[in-house]
Amino acid sequence: MTLIKTSILTAISTVIKVLVGFVINKVISVYIGPSGLAIIGQLQNFLNTALTFSNGAITQGVVKYTAEYKDIEQKSKIFSTSVMVSLICSSIISILLFLFNDYFAILILKNIQYSSVFTVLSFTVFLFALNIILLSILNGQKEIKKFILVSISSSLFSLLFTSFLIIKLSLIGALYALVANQSVIFFVTLLFVIKSRWFKWEYFSKGIDRDSLVKLGKFSLMALTSALMIPVSELIIRDYIGETLSWDSAGYWQGIMYISKMYLLVVTTSLGIYYLPKLSEITDNKELKEEIKNGYKIIIPIVAIMALGIYLSRDLVIEIAFSSDFIMMRELFKWQLIGDVIKIISWLLAYLMLAKAMTKLFIISEIIFTISWITFAILGVKYFGLVGVTYAFSLNYFLYLIFVFIYFKKVLR
């Protein structure tokens, strides 16, 4: 399947996901407000980290080797190993969440009354983990239609489940929805996998293959680094904004980050579904260059047009996605959207690190640019107020772009 076809299919899924996200965001804005959105952002970051640890952070490795291997026997070793790793890791995470629910409630959500949220998560985390593994296998097998149908099902269920709990229980309802909704989707994903022509139960019951574990371990190190760096950096920055300015300000920043993630989903999803398997297959540098050039020709104009459209209609976006309480977000759009375009330009090159398992380079660059992101954000807020965090976002990705461009220009000669 080509990048264009993949992008069209993922666009359909993403449009549904974005619309669902807008509706849920509107419900949150009306029933909870800016400070509540900030708290939800805190849990989302924690959840992303916990879920990455719960499957051993091997999902990108599962995609790569499922796509790369042609022999089903080789694939089955990856399938079985990934499932066993997920069961072991999710069990450990589950025990920790259950035993330290009060601690996590205070640390992440600033209130012990939310400890039950982490108790619920402790019982659902293994379903989350297995669902992500099965989706990675579908991705690697290039069963894009099934992958997207699961995504659409997930979005629609999330809309109904989350909206109902928010209306009935307010903020804590939103928190419960976050830690429970994806576990139900596991059974939908499982049904699609079982109905695949290649599927056999025995492929998932061979235990852990040592060679496969070592290969997946390289991706685990990279994914664990991202799982720590990205959410933790957002937690630190959001907490700094909340304590230094206000939690409403933290909510405004959460809002602009949400808008960025939503409209870029069509691009980032296409990169994950098409680019990682495709780049993993290519061994010739000339062919790699052509694939990357094609990506730039298709992706960058789309991102630039979307960013410009959102900037010009920012007041309408705030009104539709949030409420009049979020009008202070208006000043954050310009440099956040510029940063988004720079981010995608850099990511088209940076995906080579994942596709070619450049573990050391990936980890070092993630750590360095996460530290610089936090530093720039804190300095930006200190000297320019809330808008300073968007200056920091653009500056950090501009420096990252320079780094990946210089490095891969040498590698792809």
Protein backbone atom coordinates (compact mmCIF):
# COMPACT_ATOMS: atom_id res chain seq x y z
CA MET A 1 0.00 0.00 0.00
CA THR A 2 1.38 3.42 -0.98
CA LEU A 3 1.85 6.43 1.27
CA ILE A 4 -1.03 8.22 -0.50
CA LYS A 5 -3.46 5.31 -0.03
CA THR A 6 -2.35 4.86 3.56
CA SER A 7 -2.76 8.59 4.17
CA ILE A 8 -6.29 8.56 2.72
CA LEU A 9 -7.36 5.63 4.90
CA THR A 10 -5.71 7.05 8.00
CA ALA A 11 -7.23 10.45 7.17
CA ILE A 12 -10.72 8.94 7.38
CA SER A 13 -9.88 7.37 10.74
CA THR A 14 -8.17 10.53 11.95
CA VAL A 15 -11.06 12.80 10.96
CA ILE A 16 -13.37 10.61 13.03
CA LYS A 17 -10.87 10.60 15.90
CA VAL A 18 -10.47 14.38 15.74
CA LEU A 19 -14.22 14.96 15.64
CA VAL A 20 -14.68 12.61 18.57
CA GLY A 21 -11.85 14.38 20.37
CA PHE A 22 -13.45 17.76 19.77
CA VAL A 23 -16.77 16.56 21.17
CA ILE A 24 -15.12 15.04 24.25
CA ASN A 25 -13.02 18.19 24.68
CA LYS A 26 -16.15 20.31 24.46
CA VAL A 27 -17.82 18.22 27.15
CA ILE A 28 -14.71 18.54 29.34
CA SER A 29 -14.58 22.31 28.79
CA VAL A 30 -18.24 22.80 29.67
CA TYR A 31 -18.40 20.42 32.65
CA ILE A 32 -14.87 20.71 34.06
CA GLY A 33 -13.02 23.81 32.75
CA PRO A 34 -9.33 24.71 32.14
CA SER A 35 -7.94 23.43 35.45
CA GLY A 36 -9.74 20.10 34.97
CA LEU A 37 -8.24 19.79 31.48
CA ALA A 38 -4.79 20.27 33.00
CA ILE A 39 -5.41 17.42 35.48
CA ILE A 40 -6.60 15.17 32.65
CA GLY A 41 -3.39 16.04 30.78
CA GLN A 42 -1.37 14.94 33.81
CA LEU A 43 -3.09 11.54 33.83
CA GLN A 44 -2.69 11.15 30.05
CA ASN A 45 1.07 11.66 30.34
CA PHE A 46 1.32 9.19 33.21
CA LEU A 47 -0.85 6.70 31.35
CA ASN A 48 1.33 6.88 28.24
CA THR A 49 4.40 6.09 30.33
CA ALA A 50 2.73 3.28 32.29
CA LEU A 51 1.37 1.64 29.14
CA THR A 52 4.76 1.74 27.43
CA PHE A 53 6.30 -0.06 30.40
CA SER A 54 3.37 -2.48 30.54
CA ASN A 55 4.24 -4.00 27.15
CA GLY A 56 7.98 -3.78 27.61
CA ALA A 57 8.16 -0.88 25.14
CA ILE A 58 8.54 -3.33 22.24
CA THR A 59 5.68 -2.25 19.96
CA GLN A 60 7.83 -0.48 17.36
CA GLY A 61 10.10 -3.52 17.26
CA VAL A 62 7.04 -5.73 16.71
CA VAL A 63 6.02 -3.54 13.75
CA LYS A 64 9.54 -3.57 12.27
CA TYR A 65 10.21 -7.31 12.47
CA THR A 66 6.66 -8.34 11.54
CA ALA A 67 7.07 -6.24 8.37
CA GLU A 68 10.66 -7.30 7.75
CA TYR A 69 10.30 -11.08 8.15
CA LYS A 70 8.71 -12.95 5.26
CA ASP A 71 8.63 -16.40 6.87
CA ILE A 72 5.66 -17.01 9.18
CA GLU A 73 7.83 -19.12 11.50
CA GLN A 74 10.09 -16.15 12.12
CA LYS A 75 7.08 -13.90 12.59
CA SER A 76 5.52 -16.33 15.08
CA LYS A 77 8.58 -16.06 17.34
CA ILE A 78 8.06 -12.30 17.43
CA PHE A 79 4.32 -12.71 18.09
CA SER A 80 4.77 -15.18 20.94
CA THR A 81 7.67 -13.34 22.53
CA SER A 82 5.85 -10.00 22.44
CA VAL A 83 2.70 -11.43 24.06
CA MET A 84 4.69 -13.09 26.86
CA VAL A 85 6.73 -9.94 27.50
CA SER A 86 3.50 -7.91 27.70
CA LEU A 87 1.91 -10.31 30.16
CA ILE A 88 4.96 -10.27 32.43
CA CYS A 89 5.52 -6.50 32.30
CA SER A 90 1.83 -5.59 32.67
CA SER A 91 1.57 -7.86 35.73
CA ILE A 92 4.44 -5.98 37.39
CA ILE A 93 2.92 -2.59 36.54
CA SER A 94 -0.48 -3.78 37.77
CA ILE A 95 0.92 -4.76 41.18
CA LEU A 96 2.74 -1.42 41.54
CA LEU A 97 -0.37 0.58 40.62
CA PHE A 98 -2.49 -1.36 43.08
CA LEU A 99 -0.05 -1.11 45.99
CA PHE A 100 0.88 2.56 45.49
CA ASN A 101 -2.42 4.01 44.28
CA ASP A 102 -2.47 6.71 47.00
CA TYR A 103 1.09 7.78 46.18
CA PHE A 104 0.37 8.11 42.45
CA ALA A 105 -2.85 10.03 43.14
CA ILE A 106 -0.96 12.65 45.14
CA LEU A 107 2.08 12.77 42.83
CA ILE A 108 0.23 12.96 39.50
CA LEU A 109 -3.25 14.30 40.26
CA LYS A 110 -2.43 16.29 43.40
CA ASN A 111 -5.29 14.74 45.38
CA ILE A 112 -5.58 11.43 47.24
CA GLN A 113 -9.30 11.25 46.44
CA TYR A 114 -8.33 10.05 42.96
CA SER A 115 -6.52 6.94 44.22
CA SER A 116 -9.37 4.74 42.96
CA VAL A 117 -8.45 5.78 39.40
CA PHE A 118 -5.10 4.01 39.74
CA THR A 119 -6.80 1.00 41.33
CA VAL A 120 -9.03 0.67 38.25
CA LEU A 121 -5.97 1.04 36.00
CA SER A 122 -4.22 -1.78 37.85
CA PHE A 123 -6.98 -4.18 36.72
CA THR A 124 -7.17 -2.96 33.11
CA VAL A 125 -3.53 -2.34 32.25
CA PHE A 126 -2.85 -5.85 30.88
CA LEU A 127 -5.72 -5.49 28.37
CA PHE A 128 -4.29 -2.14 27.27
CA ALA A 129 -0.89 -3.75 26.78
CA LEU A 130 -2.16 -6.74 24.78
CA ASN A 131 -4.32 -4.49 22.62
CA ILE A 132 -1.29 -2.40 21.64
CA ILE A 133 0.70 -5.54 20.76
CA LEU A 134 -2.09 -6.90 18.55
CA LEU A 135 -2.43 -3.54 16.79
CA SER A 136 1.34 -3.52 16.19
CA ILE A 137 1.08 -6.96 14.59
CA LEU A 138 -1.75 -5.81 12.31
CA ASN A 139 0.37 -2.79 11.38
CA GLY A 140 3.42 -4.91 10.63
CA GLN A 141 1.30 -7.32 8.57
CA LYS A 142 0.13 -4.24 6.62
CA GLU A 143 -3.52 -5.00 7.34
CA ILE A 144 -4.22 -1.30 7.25
CA LYS A 145 -7.98 -1.60 6.78
CA LYS A 146 -8.37 -3.73 9.90
CA PHE A 147 -6.04 -1.43 11.81
CA ILE A 148 -8.16 1.57 10.87
CA LEU A 149 -11.48 -0.18 11.63
CA VAL A 150 -10.21 -0.87 15.14
CA SER A 151 -9.18 2.77 15.45
CA ILE A 152 -12.62 3.97 14.37
CA SER A 153 -14.34 1.55 16.77
CA SER A 154 -12.09 2.79 19.55
CA SER A 155 -12.92 6.43 18.83
CA LEU A 156 -16.70 5.88 18.76
CA PHE A 157 -16.68 3.83 21.95
CA SER A 158 -14.50 6.44 23.65
CA LEU A 159 -16.99 9.15 22.67
CA LEU A 160 -19.96 7.39 24.23
CA PHE A 161 -18.17 6.03 27.29
CA THR A 162 -16.20 9.18 28.16
CA SER A 163 -19.05 11.63 27.57
CA PHE A 164 -21.41 9.54 29.70
CA LEU A 165 -18.96 9.36 32.63
CA ILE A 166 -18.09 13.07 32.45
CA ILE A 167 -21.76 14.09 32.47
CA LYS A 168 -22.53 11.72 35.34
CA LEU A 169 -19.36 12.04 37.45
CA SER A 170 -17.58 15.20 36.20
CA LEU A 171 -13.76 15.17 36.48
CA ILE A 172 -13.38 11.79 38.13
CA GLY A 173 -15.61 10.31 35.42
CA ALA A 174 -13.19 11.57 32.78
CA LEU A 175 -10.31 10.02 34.70
CA TYR A 176 -12.10 6.66 34.98
CA ALA A 177 -12.81 6.73 31.24
CA LEU A 178 -9.15 7.32 30.43
CA VAL A 179 -7.98 4.26 32.37
CA ALA A 180 -10.75 1.92 31.22
CA ASN A 181 -12.01 2.58 27.69
CA GLN A 182 -9.15 1.08 25.65
CA SER A 183 -9.27 -2.19 27.59
CA VAL A 184 -12.70 -2.90 26.08
CA ILE A 185 -11.33 -2.33 22.56
CA PHE A 186 -8.90 -5.22 23.12
CA PHE A 187 -11.72 -7.68 22.40
CA VAL A 188 -12.53 -5.89 19.12
CA THR A 189 -8.87 -6.02 18.07
CA LEU A 190 -8.64 -9.70 19.06
CA LEU A 191 -11.64 -10.50 16.86
CA PHE A 192 -10.01 -8.85 13.82
CA VAL A 193 -6.72 -10.69 14.44
CA ILE A 194 -8.43 -14.08 14.82
CA LYS A 195 -10.24 -13.58 11.50
CA SER A 196 -6.98 -12.89 9.63
CA ARG A 197 -5.92 -15.56 7.12
CA TRP A 198 -2.47 -15.90 8.60
CA PHE A 199 -3.69 -16.34 12.20
CA LYS A 200 -3.11 -19.51 14.23
CA TRP A 201 -3.24 -19.75 18.03
CA GLU A 202 0.03 -21.69 18.04
CA TYR A 203 1.87 -18.62 16.72
CA PHE A 204 1.18 -16.88 20.04
CA SER A 205 1.90 -19.77 22.41
CA LYS A 206 5.54 -20.64 21.79
CA GLY A 207 6.86 -18.76 24.80
CA ILE A 208 9.82 -16.40 24.69
CA ASP A 209 12.37 -16.79 21.89
CA ARG A 210 15.77 -15.56 23.06
CA ASP A 211 16.92 -14.14 19.71
CA SER A 212 13.62 -12.32 19.23
CA LEU A 213 13.81 -10.94 22.77
CA VAL A 214 17.28 -9.49 22.11
CA LYS A 215 16.10 -7.82 18.87
CA LEU A 216 12.97 -6.42 20.48
CA GLY A 217 15.08 -5.27 23.42
CA LYS A 218 16.86 -2.72 21.22
CA PHE A 219 13.51 -1.10 20.45
CA SER A 220 12.53 -1.42 24.07
CA LEU A 221 15.42 0.80 25.11
CA MET A 222 14.42 3.43 22.52
CA ALA A 223 10.73 3.32 23.36
CA LEU A 224 11.35 3.41 27.11
CA THR A 225 13.47 6.50 26.59
CA SER A 226 10.61 8.19 24.69
CA ALA A 227 8.09 6.92 27.23
CA LEU A 228 10.03 8.63 29.98
CA MET A 229 11.24 11.73 28.17
CA ILE A 230 8.09 12.97 26.42
CA PRO A 231 5.41 12.53 29.12
CA VAL A 232 7.76 13.41 31.99
CA SER A 233 8.86 16.60 30.22
CA GLU A 234 5.21 17.59 29.75
CA LEU A 235 4.46 16.76 33.38
CA ILE A 236 7.35 18.95 34.54
CA ILE A 237 6.44 21.85 32.25
CA ARG A 238 2.74 21.67 33.05
CA ASP A 239 3.46 21.52 36.77
CA TYR A 240 5.82 24.51 36.45
CA ILE A 241 3.20 26.54 34.60
CA GLY A 242 0.53 25.55 37.15
CA GLU A 243 2.67 26.48 40.14
CA THR A 244 4.27 29.61 38.61
CA LEU A 245 1.35 31.11 36.68
CA SER A 246 -1.90 29.23 37.41
CA TRP A 247 -3.56 25.89 36.75
CA ASP A 248 -5.87 27.64 34.33
CA SER A 249 -2.75 28.66 32.38
CA ALA A 250 -1.61 25.04 32.49
CA GLY A 251 -5.02 24.16 31.06
CA TYR A 252 -4.56 26.65 28.20
CA TRP A 253 -1.21 25.06 27.35
CA GLN A 254 -2.78 21.61 27.55
CA GLY A 255 -5.41 22.89 25.13
CA ILE A 256 -2.92 24.08 22.50
CA MET A 257 -0.92 20.86 22.84
CA TYR A 258 -4.16 18.94 22.35
CA ILE A 259 -4.95 20.86 19.14
CA SER A 260 -1.44 20.15 17.81
CA LYS A 261 -1.69 16.44 18.51
CA MET A 262 -5.17 16.16 17.02
CA TYR A 263 -4.59 17.83 13.65
CA LEU A 264 -1.17 16.18 13.25
CA LEU A 265 -2.65 12.73 13.83
CA VAL A 266 -3.29 12.25 10.12
CA VAL A 267 0.43 12.75 9.54
CA THR A 268 1.90 10.96 12.56
CA THR A 269 -0.46 8.01 12.09
CA SER A 270 0.58 7.68 8.45
CA LEU A 271 4.22 7.81 9.47
CA GLY A 272 3.71 5.07 12.03
CA ILE A 273 1.57 2.83 9.82
CA TYR A 274 3.36 3.32 6.49
CA TYR A 275 6.81 4.76 7.12
CA LEU A 276 8.19 2.51 9.83
CA PRO A 277 7.45 -0.78 8.00
CA LYS A 278 8.51 0.74 4.65
CA LEU A 279 11.82 2.16 5.84
CA SER A 280 12.51 -1.08 7.71
CA GLU A 281 12.31 -3.00 4.41
CA ILE A 282 14.62 -0.72 2.41
CA THR A 283 18.34 -1.47 2.51
CA ASP A 284 19.61 0.71 -0.36
CA ASN A 285 20.54 4.31 0.56
CA LYS A 286 19.42 5.67 -2.81
CA GLU A 287 16.00 4.12 -2.37
CA LEU A 288 15.83 5.50 1.17
CA LYS A 289 16.53 9.00 -0.12
CA GLU A 290 13.76 8.70 -2.70
CA GLU A 291 11.27 7.48 -0.09
CA ILE A 292 12.13 10.37 2.21
CA LYS A 293 11.88 12.90 -0.66
CA ASN A 294 8.45 11.54 -1.57
CA GLY A 295 7.43 11.92 2.04
CA TYR A 296 8.47 15.57 2.05
CA LYS A 297 6.61 16.28 -1.20
CA ILE A 298 3.37 14.84 0.15
CA ILE A 299 3.46 15.46 3.89
CA ILE A 300 4.97 18.92 4.36
CA PRO A 301 2.48 20.84 2.13
CA ILE A 302 -0.38 19.11 3.96
CA VAL A 303 0.99 20.05 7.38
CA ALA A 304 1.70 23.65 6.33
CA ILE A 305 -1.80 24.14 4.89
CA MET A 306 -3.45 22.62 7.98
CA ALA A 307 -1.33 24.77 10.31
CA LEU A 308 -2.15 27.94 8.38
CA GLY A 309 -5.85 27.08 8.31
CA ILE A 310 -5.93 26.52 12.06
CA TYR A 311 -4.07 29.77 12.71
CA LEU A 312 -6.48 31.82 10.57
CA SER A 313 -9.51 30.22 12.23
CA ARG A 314 -8.08 30.03 15.77
CA ASP A 315 -10.96 31.89 17.40
CA LEU A 316 -13.44 29.50 15.82
CA VAL A 317 -11.30 26.50 16.83
CA ILE A 318 -11.28 27.67 20.46
CA GLU A 319 -15.04 28.19 20.42
CA ILE A 320 -15.77 24.79 18.83
CA ALA A 321 -13.20 22.67 20.66
CA PHE A 322 -13.33 24.36 24.05
CA SER A 323 -15.36 27.32 25.33
CA SER A 324 -15.07 31.07 25.87
CA ASP A 325 -13.16 30.29 29.10
CA PHE A 326 -10.21 29.25 26.90
CA ILE A 327 -9.92 32.49 24.88
CA MET A 328 -6.52 33.19 26.53
CA MET A 329 -5.17 30.35 24.39
CA ARG A 330 -5.29 32.66 21.38
CA GLU A 331 -1.76 33.99 21.84
CA LEU A 332 -0.30 30.46 21.86
CA PHE A 333 -1.23 29.45 18.31
CA LYS A 334 1.41 31.20 16.15
CA TRP A 335 4.63 29.69 17.46
CA GLN A 336 3.06 26.38 18.41
CA LEU A 337 1.93 25.85 14.81
CA ILE A 338 5.30 26.95 13.43
CA GLY A 339 6.90 24.43 15.78
CA ASP A 340 4.52 21.73 14.53
CA VAL A 341 5.68 22.19 10.92
CA ILE A 342 9.35 22.08 11.95
CA LYS A 343 8.63 19.00 14.08
CA ILE A 344 7.21 17.00 11.17
CA ILE A 345 10.06 18.05 8.86
CA SER A 346 12.52 16.67 11.41
CA TRP A 347 10.50 13.51 12.11
CA LEU A 348 10.58 12.40 8.47
CA LEU A 349 14.34 12.00 8.89
CA ALA A 350 14.30 10.92 12.53
CA TYR A 351 12.15 7.86 11.71
CA LEU A 352 15.29 6.32 10.22
CA MET A 353 16.62 5.90 13.75
CA LEU A 354 13.68 3.65 14.58
CA ALA A 355 13.57 1.84 11.24
CA LYS A 356 17.28 1.01 11.37
CA ALA A 357 17.41 0.37 15.13
CA MET A 358 19.96 3.13 15.80
CA THR A 359 19.56 2.63 19.52
CA LYS A 360 22.47 4.65 20.89
CA LEU A 361 21.88 7.67 18.64
CA PHE A 362 18.15 7.68 19.39
CA ILE A 363 18.56 7.51 23.17
CA ILE A 364 21.26 10.19 23.34
CA SER A 365 19.32 12.59 21.08
CA GLU A 366 16.06 12.03 23.00
CA ILE A 367 17.72 12.80 26.34
CA ILE A 368 19.58 15.88 25.09
CA PHE A 369 16.61 17.45 23.32
CA THR A 370 14.19 16.65 26.14
CA ILE A 371 16.47 18.42 28.62
CA SER A 372 16.78 21.39 26.26
CA TRP A 373 12.97 21.44 25.78
CA ILE A 374 12.35 21.60 29.54
CA THR A 375 15.07 24.23 29.99
CA PHE A 376 13.82 26.43 27.14
CA ALA A 377 10.21 26.08 28.34
CA ILE A 378 11.01 27.12 31.91
CA LEU A 379 13.11 30.06 30.72
CA GLY A 380 10.43 31.00 28.19
CA VAL A 381 7.69 31.07 30.82
CA LYS A 382 9.94 32.95 33.23
CA TYR A 383 10.80 35.76 30.81
CA PHE A 384 7.82 35.87 28.40
CA GLY A 385 4.91 34.38 30.33
CA LEU A 386 2.77 31.52 28.98
CA VAL A 387 3.52 32.30 25.32
CA GLY A 388 7.18 31.61 26.10
CA VAL A 389 6.51 27.88 26.17
CA THR A 390 5.56 28.00 22.47
CA TYR A 391 8.76 29.91 21.66
CA ALA A 392 10.63 27.11 23.40
CA PHE A 393 8.73 24.45 21.44
CA SER A 394 9.68 25.95 18.06
CA LEU A 395 13.29 26.62 19.04
CA ASN A 396 13.84 23.11 20.34
CA TYR A 397 12.50 21.42 17.20
CA PHE A 398 14.51 23.81 14.99
CA LEU A 399 17.70 22.68 16.74
CA TYR A 400 16.57 19.03 16.47
CA LEU A 401 16.00 19.47 12.72
CA ILE A 402 19.53 20.81 12.27
CA PHE A 403 20.88 17.82 14.20
CA VAL A 404 19.06 15.10 12.20
CA PHE A 405 19.74 16.85 8.87
CA ILE A 406 23.50 17.05 9.45
CA TYR A 407 23.72 13.47 10.75
CA PHE A 408 21.69 11.75 8.04
CA LYS A 409 23.27 13.81 5.26
CA LYS A 410 26.51 12.02 6.16
CA VAL A 411 24.88 8.60 6.64
CA LEU A 412 22.94 8.58 3.35
CA ARG A 413 25.79 9.62 1.08
